[in-house]
Amino acid sequence: MGTRWLKGAAVFALAATAVLSLSLGAFGQDDRGSTERAPVGETLDKGNQTITSALRVDLTRDFATLPLHKGSAQGETVWFVVTDVSDASIARELGVNHSPKLANISRDCPACAQTVKTSNPLLGRAEVEFEGAPDFSPTRTLVAGPRSFPPQSFSVGATGRANYSPFVTVEGNGVVYNAPIVATGDGPFDVTTHENTHDRTLAIDTERMTTDHLFIRGFANGRSILYLSFDSSDAFTAVIERSTFVPALIDAPFANGGGSPRSARASIFTFVNAKTGLGRTRTQGLTHAIKDGFAGRDAAVANPEVLEAFRRGADVSNIFDVFPTNARLADRREYSPLWDLQVGVYSDAALALGLNGLKKDANEVRRLAARGLVTSPGGEPLGAANVLINCPALGFLDERPRGPRTPVAGVRP
């Protein structure tokens, strides 16, 4: 899928020292599963988290310490987290995001969710038997092209095995959870080259049952947000997002489903030819992520320069259409961790006017698209690239995103 999309789009393929840590978190795991601790960095206020079960969100090295849960898949031990659920009362009890749109995940796509077995209907309260799990052993690579993007070459890292999806339902229960697996096996865990862990996993502590996961800085409704990234339906997107390649997700209902309560998807935006650089002005997009974000290096505590680049905004920094804190109920109910990627290309006129700077609001992107200043690759109207990424909201930096979501007439959601 990823290579074919890269060729068809012509200009892109995306889509996306001791380090400061939580006193309960983990860096430097040994063979027994115990950990060495490091000093605590700047912490996000608890009231700014949308995943309130996160023990801590570290703003110095851009990771969230999440509760870790144990399970098995085909006889192998697996470790997973829970970030979203389709049921509001369960979301409150577990301290995760509520996403009613997830209830649609299996409509016309049986492979988009796996059925799990567990003795407790609240996922994570007892060990879970999964149908499938990722293979974390492949080596993720990315070599920049002459202009950074498109890349000269890339190879997929973590890949979902047969029957794997991060979206699960408990046998006999219609509730849908977002429960991505972040590690496999009984340890020791490789959190440097990620041979048995997710490419954004910085630490695993199986004694305290926590994991440190690198987040992304992005935007929603004009505000700065933090979000996690776990999976993608597209090979190249998985590489640049440092996530697990799960091609089965491609059939989740449905392309351009942002704004529809029948869809499992919400809209998210990135750019091919936005400005680059890590100066005073934040930048975003595919070329920027490859050029400025050590895209071919592993995200690990052992590579502090990579983590520092992320803190300064070197990641893709996508734009969410909606956020769990939106003021309008209709906008909050539109939130889904399964994002329908729209890849924008600034027109020559937009480039000449210098309009390819940082964008923070999907409404602004749609207005530019309505004027023909932003299109999909190849000059087509801005719309879904039919690339899906599993990116749960984590929190917001300052003011909470309030919306509203205001689609523009004639522009796809």
Foldseek 3Di string as FASTA:
>chain_A
DQVVQCVVLVFARAVWVFDADDPLAAFPADFVLAHDHDHHADWFDCVFWQQNQFPTAGLRLAKTKHFKAWAEEPRWIFIKGWAEKQDPVLCVVRSHAHAVLQLLQCPVQVLQEWEKEFPDQNPRPGYIYTHWAKQQQAFWFWAADPLRPPTPDIFFGIETDPSDHQWYHYVPGSMIIRMHIFFIHDDDADQFRRNTGQLQWAGARPVSRITIGHWAWAFEQQFIFIKGFAEKLHRNNCLRNSYYHYVSSLVFDDWLCALPSNGQAHAKEFESDADADLPPFAFAHDSNLRPQQPSRGGPYSVCSVNSNSRSSHSIRRMEGLAACQAQDPSRNNSDHLKYQYWYKYFDPVCVVVVVRGDDRYVQVVQVCLVVQRIDGRPSHRTTGPSMIIRMRTTGGRPDDNHDDRDHDPPHRD
